[in-house]
């Protein structure tokens, strides 16, 4: 009589999961401080977007095309598993990496894989499933996958380095928010607490998986078509963290209508059961000094700071299918106000 092999839960082989494993935003800013002024003496191309305001990707201008000035968008993203299924993990990680290009108003062209794998602990067949998931999502995006790099790593990690193209005149960036424009979110929040519940209990949220594997392609295209020039995507720093960076860089105040913010089914219950990541708490601690949270409970504030993985776009303007959750106003006492 043969015994069926035990199910391998990938989330149990990592200390955390997804974008919640990011280095805390305040700590990260301190690490990269001083790097913004560094550059080659004789650059081969003009750097249009770099480290200055923490945008989603770097952009260099390379010349003119039929549609205007052409820019190359470069980004990379990788993390530990947020789900137990290897194929699904690959899909989520690829969608998350591609999102940075869409958040800048660009189109992904080619990606390379980044894989860390505990080869003496987890079978190579699972690594192949991770890569298969990433490849399928990249193909859905019309993006080539041209190889990559792998290392033997104590924890499983996967992501991509992605190169895309963008019309420089239609570039979407962190520092372009204007007072008087709406604040739009294109995916519901709650992925972080639901992923934490999944890691602890094995209970998977189909809604969370569907959200994380959905490309931000259509939202990015709609934003460009609407003439929107301010935006970012919502990932490890949570809605409040990414919005704070955007409003601070733009010299405006962001006002959030907490009642308008959409959440995935089960998110509030997962929060009530205590499935809050350390990354989410660090996000809230970082923005708290410059954020007016007096109108909401501590639990609501934690949900607004929930560390997302492959979240939606956060835009300074309205697009079809997006949810208006607030507005940008002239800079006041706080950088972010939640009402």
Foldseek 3Di string as FASTA:
>chain_A
DDDDDDQFFQLVLDPAAFLLPDDQPVVVCVVCPPVVVDDDPDDPFAWPDDPPLPALWTWTFDAADPVATKIKTKHKDKIGHLTRQLLLSLLLQLLLGQQSQLQFLWAWAEKEKEWEAQPVPDPVVSVVSSPVSNCVLCVVSVYHYDYYDYYHDSGIMIHIIIMTMHRVVLTATLQAFDFPFFKWFQFAFQLQLQSLCCSVPVDHDPNSSVQSSDHQNVVSNQCSVVSFRYKHFAAFQAQLQSLLSSLVNHQWAWEFALVQGHHDPPRLVSVVVPSARPSLVSSLVVQVVQEAPVVDDPSSSSRRRRGHRNGTMITRHDGPNITGGTHIRHDDSHNYYYD
